[in-house]
Amino acid sequence: MRKPGRVPSVPDHDGNAEKITAHLEAGGVLRTCPVSQHFRDLLRDTRPQWWASVLKKSNANRIAIVRNTHRDKMMARTHCMNGHRYTEETSVIRVRRGGAHLVRRCLLCERKYGSTPAYQMEGVKAAIEGAKSGRTFAELTSYRHNATRVIRRNQLLQAMEDKPALVPILRPLFVRNRATKHKAQMQRLSKGGIFAPTSDVVFRAVEAAVPHTLLFQVRQEIVGDMFVAVMEGRLGLDDLGKRWQEFARNANRMFPKYALPSFYAPAFREGDTSLIETISDGLWT
C-alpha cells in the first residue's frame, strides 16, 4: 500500500504565464514576480520565444523604474550645489545613457564654467619666450609648476584659437621640449647610482631583454636579479641584451637543469649555510 504523502504538483503553464504577463504589464519586473523561480525556469525551458519577450519587457520596466526614481529625487531638489534656485529658465534636464538616466543641470553654473577669462598679451608673450627657452606646455600653464607658470591653460588655448598664427610657433616648440625632457628623464643615470626612469619602465625593459624560452622559475630569478642590478647602478639599460647570460649562469646554479644539487651545496648565494641545514626535521621521520 502506498504511503500517504505530498502529491506532486502539476505546473499550470498557462496560468503562470498569465500572472507574469499581467505583472509586467503593470510595470513590474521578474524579480518581484508572484510566480516562483522554479515555475519560471519551467516556462523558460518550454516556451523560449515567449520567455525572450518577457526578459525584454522586464528589462525595459527595470530601466523605467530606475529612471523614474532618479527623476523624482532630482525634481525634489530646489537649488543646485552652488545655491542657484532651479527654475524653468535656469535649469535643463538632459538625457544620458540612451534614455536610462536623466540629469538636471544648472545653466548658471554651466555658463560660469564655460566662460574663459580674458587673457593678457604679456602672458602670451611670456609663454612664447618660455617655450623658446625649453619649457613645456604644462610647465608654463599648470598650477603644479608655480615657479614657471606664466598663464592659465584655458587662456593660452583661447589665445591660440583667436590668433591662429601662434599655433605653428608654439606647437612645434612644445612637442620638441616635451620629447627632450622625456628622453633626458628616461636615459639619465646619475653618478650616485640613482636611476632616473621609474621602476615600471626598468621592469619592462628587463622583461623584454630576457628570453621567454627559459623555465618560468629560472626566468623570474634572472629578471629579479637584473632589476636589482639596474636600480643599484651595476647594470645599464643598454647592456641588458648583452649581459643577461651572466645572470642566467647564476640562476642555473640555484635551479640545475640536469642534476639535483648536493645537500652540502650552499643554500644561498651569500653565506656558508648548506642546503641540508635548511631541511626540516619532519622530513626525516
Protein backbone atom coordinates (compact mmCIF):
# COMPACT_ATOMS: atom_id res chain seq x y z
CA MET A 1 0.00 0.00 0.00
CA ARG A 2 1.36 3.42 -0.95
CA LYS A 3 2.37 5.67 1.94
CA PRO A 4 0.40 8.90 2.19
CA GLY A 5 2.41 11.97 1.33
CA ARG A 6 2.52 15.11 -0.79
CA VAL A 7 1.05 14.77 -4.23
CA PRO A 8 3.47 16.21 -6.80
CA SER A 9 2.15 19.48 -8.20
CA VAL A 10 1.43 19.77 -11.88
CA PRO A 11 2.67 23.09 -13.26
CA ASP A 12 0.00 25.30 -14.72
CA HIS A 13 2.00 26.90 -17.53
CA ASP A 14 -0.92 28.89 -18.92
CA GLY A 15 -1.90 30.32 -15.54
CA ASN A 16 1.70 31.18 -14.60
CA ALA A 17 2.27 32.83 -17.98
CA GLU A 18 -0.84 34.97 -17.48
CA LYS A 19 0.35 36.03 -14.00
CA ILE A 20 3.80 37.01 -15.32
CA THR A 21 2.31 38.92 -18.25
CA ALA A 22 -0.10 40.83 -16.02
CA HIS A 23 2.71 41.65 -13.58
CA LEU A 24 4.91 43.03 -16.35
CA GLU A 25 2.08 44.99 -17.92
CA ALA A 26 1.60 46.68 -14.55
CA GLY A 27 5.22 47.86 -14.61
CA GLY A 28 6.82 45.13 -12.51
CA VAL A 29 9.96 43.07 -13.07
CA LEU A 30 10.71 39.36 -12.88
CA ARG A 31 12.47 39.73 -9.54
CA THR A 32 9.20 40.77 -7.87
CA CYS A 33 7.01 38.40 -9.87
CA PRO A 34 4.43 36.34 -7.83
CA VAL A 35 5.43 33.18 -9.72
CA SER A 36 8.27 31.25 -8.06
CA GLN A 37 11.67 30.76 -9.65
CA HIS A 38 11.03 27.03 -10.17
CA PHE A 39 7.96 27.56 -12.35
CA ARG A 40 9.67 30.42 -14.16
CA ASP A 41 12.52 28.07 -15.10
CA LEU A 42 9.99 25.58 -16.44
CA LEU A 43 8.39 28.28 -18.58
CA ARG A 44 11.83 29.33 -19.83
CA ASP A 45 12.56 25.77 -20.99
CA THR A 46 9.15 25.08 -22.52
CA ARG A 47 8.43 28.47 -24.11
CA PRO A 48 11.77 30.01 -25.18
CA GLN A 49 10.32 32.57 -27.60
CA TRP A 50 7.77 33.84 -25.11
CA TRP A 51 10.47 33.95 -22.43
CA ALA A 52 12.68 36.14 -24.64
CA SER A 53 9.88 38.72 -24.92
CA VAL A 54 9.35 38.52 -21.14
CA LEU A 55 13.02 39.27 -20.48
CA LYS A 56 12.91 42.24 -22.84
CA LYS A 57 9.79 43.64 -21.16
CA SER A 58 11.23 43.11 -17.66
CA ASN A 59 14.47 44.89 -18.58
CA ALA A 60 12.53 47.84 -20.01
CA ASN A 61 10.47 48.08 -16.82
CA ARG A 62 13.62 47.96 -14.70
CA ILE A 63 15.16 50.85 -16.65
CA ALA A 64 11.93 52.84 -16.30
CA ILE A 65 11.83 52.25 -12.53
CA VAL A 66 15.42 53.45 -12.13
CA ARG A 67 14.77 56.48 -14.34
CA ASN A 68 11.57 57.44 -12.55
CA THR A 69 13.11 57.01 -9.10
CA HIS A 70 16.08 59.17 -10.02
CA ARG A 71 13.82 61.72 -11.68
CA ASP A 72 11.63 62.03 -8.57
CA LYS A 73 14.64 62.60 -6.33
CA MET A 74 16.13 65.06 -8.81
CA MET A 75 12.92 67.04 -9.26
CA ALA A 76 12.52 67.32 -5.47
CA ARG A 77 15.64 69.48 -5.29
CA THR A 78 15.10 73.23 -5.36
CA HIS A 79 18.70 74.52 -5.53
CA CYS A 80 21.95 73.39 -7.15
CA MET A 81 25.14 72.71 -5.23
CA ASN A 82 26.20 76.34 -5.66
CA GLY A 83 22.93 77.74 -4.26
CA HIS A 84 21.21 78.72 -7.53
CA ARG A 85 17.44 78.22 -7.48
CA TYR A 86 16.06 75.78 -10.03
CA THR A 87 13.52 77.36 -12.38
CA GLU A 88 12.47 76.73 -15.96
CA GLU A 89 14.85 79.46 -17.12
CA THR A 90 17.87 78.42 -15.03
CA SER A 91 17.76 74.61 -15.32
CA VAL A 92 17.55 71.96 -18.01
CA ILE A 93 17.06 68.18 -17.98
CA ARG A 94 19.40 66.17 -20.20
CA VAL A 95 19.14 62.52 -21.19
CA ARG A 96 22.13 60.24 -20.62
CA ARG A 97 22.91 56.56 -21.31
CA GLY A 98 20.38 56.09 -24.06
CA GLY A 99 17.43 57.40 -22.07
CA ALA A 100 18.14 55.38 -18.93
CA HIS A 101 19.48 58.34 -16.95
CA LEU A 102 18.25 61.90 -16.61
CA VAL A 103 20.43 64.73 -15.34
CA ARG A 104 19.29 68.14 -14.19
CA ARG A 105 21.84 70.84 -14.88
CA CYS A 106 22.06 74.41 -13.69
CA LEU A 107 22.52 76.74 -16.65
CA LEU A 108 24.03 79.45 -14.48
CA CYS A 109 26.81 77.10 -13.33
CA GLU A 110 27.45 75.85 -16.86
CA ARG A 111 27.81 79.38 -18.18
CA LYS A 112 30.23 80.18 -15.38
CA TYR A 113 32.33 77.06 -16.01
CA GLY A 114 32.33 77.55 -19.76
CA SER A 115 33.45 81.16 -19.68
CA THR A 116 37.10 81.84 -20.35
CA PRO A 117 38.76 84.77 -18.54
CA ALA A 118 40.30 87.37 -20.78
CA TYR A 119 43.99 86.80 -21.38
CA GLN A 120 46.71 89.41 -21.40
CA MET A 121 49.22 89.72 -24.21
CA GLU A 122 52.00 89.91 -21.63
CA GLY A 123 51.16 86.37 -20.54
CA VAL A 124 51.09 85.15 -24.14
CA LYS A 125 54.48 86.73 -24.84
CA ALA A 126 55.89 85.18 -21.68
CA ALA A 127 54.59 81.77 -22.81
CA ILE A 128 56.31 82.18 -26.19
CA GLU A 129 59.60 83.11 -24.53
CA GLY A 130 59.29 80.20 -22.13
CA ALA A 131 58.64 77.75 -24.98
CA LYS A 132 61.71 79.03 -26.82
CA SER A 133 63.79 78.56 -23.66
CA GLY A 134 62.78 74.88 -23.36
CA ARG A 135 59.66 74.96 -21.16
CA THR A 136 56.83 72.53 -21.80
CA PHE A 137 53.14 73.38 -22.03
CA ALA A 138 52.49 72.01 -18.54
CA GLU A 139 55.37 73.96 -17.01
CA LEU A 140 54.00 77.21 -18.41
CA THR A 141 50.30 76.65 -17.60
CA SER A 142 49.91 74.10 -14.79
CA TYR A 143 49.46 75.02 -11.12
CA ARG A 144 51.84 72.18 -10.25
CA HIS A 145 54.68 74.36 -11.58
CA ASN A 146 54.20 77.60 -9.68
CA ALA A 147 57.79 78.67 -10.28
CA THR A 148 57.45 78.59 -14.09
CA ARG A 149 53.71 79.14 -14.69
CA VAL A 150 53.04 82.38 -16.58
CA ILE A 151 49.47 81.93 -17.91
CA ARG A 152 46.42 79.75 -17.34
CA ARG A 153 45.82 76.80 -19.61
CA ASN A 154 42.43 77.93 -20.93
CA GLN A 155 43.77 81.44 -21.52
CA LEU A 156 46.64 80.19 -23.67
CA LEU A 157 44.32 77.86 -25.62
CA GLN A 158 41.91 80.75 -26.19
CA ALA A 159 44.77 82.94 -27.41
CA MET A 160 45.89 80.23 -29.85
CA GLU A 161 42.31 79.95 -31.10
CA ASP A 162 41.91 83.72 -31.53
CA LYS A 163 45.34 84.10 -33.18
CA PRO A 164 45.96 81.07 -35.47
CA ALA A 165 49.45 82.42 -36.24
CA LEU A 166 50.55 81.32 -32.75
CA VAL A 167 49.79 77.64 -33.45
CA PRO A 168 52.70 76.95 -35.87
CA ILE A 169 55.01 78.78 -33.47
CA LEU A 170 54.07 77.24 -30.13
CA ARG A 171 53.02 73.70 -31.03
CA PRO A 172 56.38 72.56 -32.54
CA LEU A 173 58.21 74.11 -29.59
CA PHE A 174 56.02 72.30 -27.05
CA VAL A 175 56.43 68.99 -28.89
CA ARG A 176 60.20 69.37 -29.05
CA ASN A 177 60.53 70.41 -25.40
CA ARG A 178 58.35 67.56 -24.16
CA ALA A 179 60.29 64.98 -26.17
CA THR A 180 63.63 66.38 -24.98
CA LYS A 181 62.67 66.31 -21.32
CA HIS A 182 61.16 62.85 -21.60
CA LYS A 183 64.30 61.47 -23.26
CA ALA A 184 66.53 63.02 -20.62
CA GLN A 185 64.38 61.62 -17.84
CA MET A 186 64.32 58.10 -19.26
CA GLN A 187 68.01 57.76 -20.13
CA ARG A 188 69.88 59.72 -17.48
CA LEU A 189 71.92 57.73 -14.96
CA SER A 190 73.42 59.76 -12.14
CA LYS A 191 76.87 59.20 -10.62
CA GLY A 192 75.38 58.05 -7.33
CA GLY A 193 73.64 55.09 -8.97
CA ILE A 194 70.12 56.53 -8.73
CA PHE A 195 68.33 55.58 -11.90
CA ALA A 196 66.13 58.24 -13.44
CA PRO A 197 63.43 56.05 -15.11
CA THR A 198 60.61 54.80 -12.98
CA SER A 199 60.56 51.21 -11.76
CA ASP A 200 57.89 50.09 -14.22
CA VAL A 201 59.97 51.36 -17.16
CA VAL A 202 63.02 49.44 -15.92
CA PHE A 203 61.00 46.29 -15.31
CA ARG A 204 59.50 46.35 -18.82
CA ALA A 205 62.97 46.79 -20.33
CA VAL A 206 64.36 43.86 -18.33
CA GLU A 207 61.35 41.69 -19.23
CA ALA A 208 61.92 42.38 -22.92
CA ALA A 209 65.64 41.52 -22.72
CA VAL A 210 65.29 38.09 -21.06
CA PRO A 211 64.15 35.30 -23.47
CA HIS A 212 60.77 33.69 -22.82
CA THR A 213 62.06 30.23 -23.74
CA LEU A 214 63.61 29.74 -20.29
CA LEU A 215 61.90 27.90 -17.48
CA PHE A 216 59.45 30.07 -15.59
CA GLN A 217 61.20 29.98 -12.22
CA VAL A 218 64.63 30.47 -13.82
CA ARG A 219 63.42 33.41 -15.88
CA GLN A 220 61.78 35.05 -12.86
CA GLU A 221 65.07 34.70 -10.92
CA ILE A 222 67.02 36.31 -13.78
CA VAL A 223 64.55 39.18 -14.17
CA GLY A 224 64.64 39.91 -10.44
CA ASP A 225 68.43 39.94 -10.24
CA MET A 226 68.76 42.17 -13.30
CA PHE A 227 66.16 44.58 -11.98
CA VAL A 228 68.04 44.95 -8.69
CA ALA A 229 71.32 45.41 -10.57
CA VAL A 230 69.85 48.19 -12.71
CA MET A 231 68.35 50.01 -9.73
CA GLU A 232 71.68 49.78 -7.86
CA GLY A 233 73.61 51.12 -10.83
CA ARG A 234 75.60 47.93 -11.55
CA LEU A 235 73.87 47.39 -14.90
CA GLY A 236 72.81 49.84 -17.59
CA LEU A 237 69.77 49.65 -19.81
CA ASP A 238 71.96 49.50 -22.91
CA ASP A 239 73.69 46.33 -21.62
CA LEU A 240 70.56 44.30 -20.81
CA GLY A 241 70.65 42.27 -24.01
CA LYS A 242 74.38 41.59 -23.73
CA ARG A 243 74.73 40.63 -20.07
CA TRP A 244 71.58 38.64 -19.28
CA GLN A 245 73.56 35.40 -19.73
CA GLU A 246 75.74 36.33 -16.74
CA PHE A 247 72.66 36.40 -14.53
CA ALA A 248 71.41 33.22 -16.20
CA ARG A 249 74.52 31.34 -15.07
CA ASN A 250 73.93 32.43 -11.51
CA ALA A 251 70.32 31.31 -11.70
CA ASN A 252 71.29 27.91 -13.14
CA ARG A 253 73.33 27.24 -10.03
CA MET A 254 70.18 27.68 -7.98
CA PHE A 255 67.99 25.67 -10.40
CA PRO A 256 70.17 22.98 -12.05
CA LYS A 257 68.61 21.52 -15.17
CA TYR A 258 70.11 18.01 -15.43
CA ALA A 259 71.01 17.03 -11.84
CA LEU A 260 69.81 17.69 -8.34
CA PRO A 261 72.01 19.94 -6.20
CA SER A 262 74.14 18.40 -3.49
CA PHE A 263 72.92 18.53 0.10
CA TYR A 264 76.22 20.19 1.01
CA ALA A 265 75.96 22.86 -1.68
CA PRO A 266 75.41 26.45 -0.49
CA ALA A 267 71.73 27.12 0.07
CA PHE A 268 72.11 30.84 -0.61
CA ARG A 269 74.45 32.89 -2.73
CA GLU A 270 75.77 34.77 0.27
CA GLY A 271 76.71 32.82 3.40
CA ASP A 272 78.06 29.40 4.39
CA THR A 273 74.72 27.73 5.15
CA SER A 274 74.43 24.39 3.33
CA LEU A 275 71.28 23.06 1.76
CA ILE A 276 71.00 20.18 4.24
CA GLU A 277 70.79 22.61 7.15
CA THR A 278 67.62 24.16 5.74
CA ILE A 279 65.69 20.85 5.67
CA SER A 280 63.11 20.50 8.41
CA ASP A 281 63.33 17.65 10.94
CA GLY A 282 59.88 16.48 9.92
CA LEU A 283 61.17 15.21 6.59
CA TRP A 284 63.41 12.63 8.29
CA THR A 285 60.65 10.96 10.34
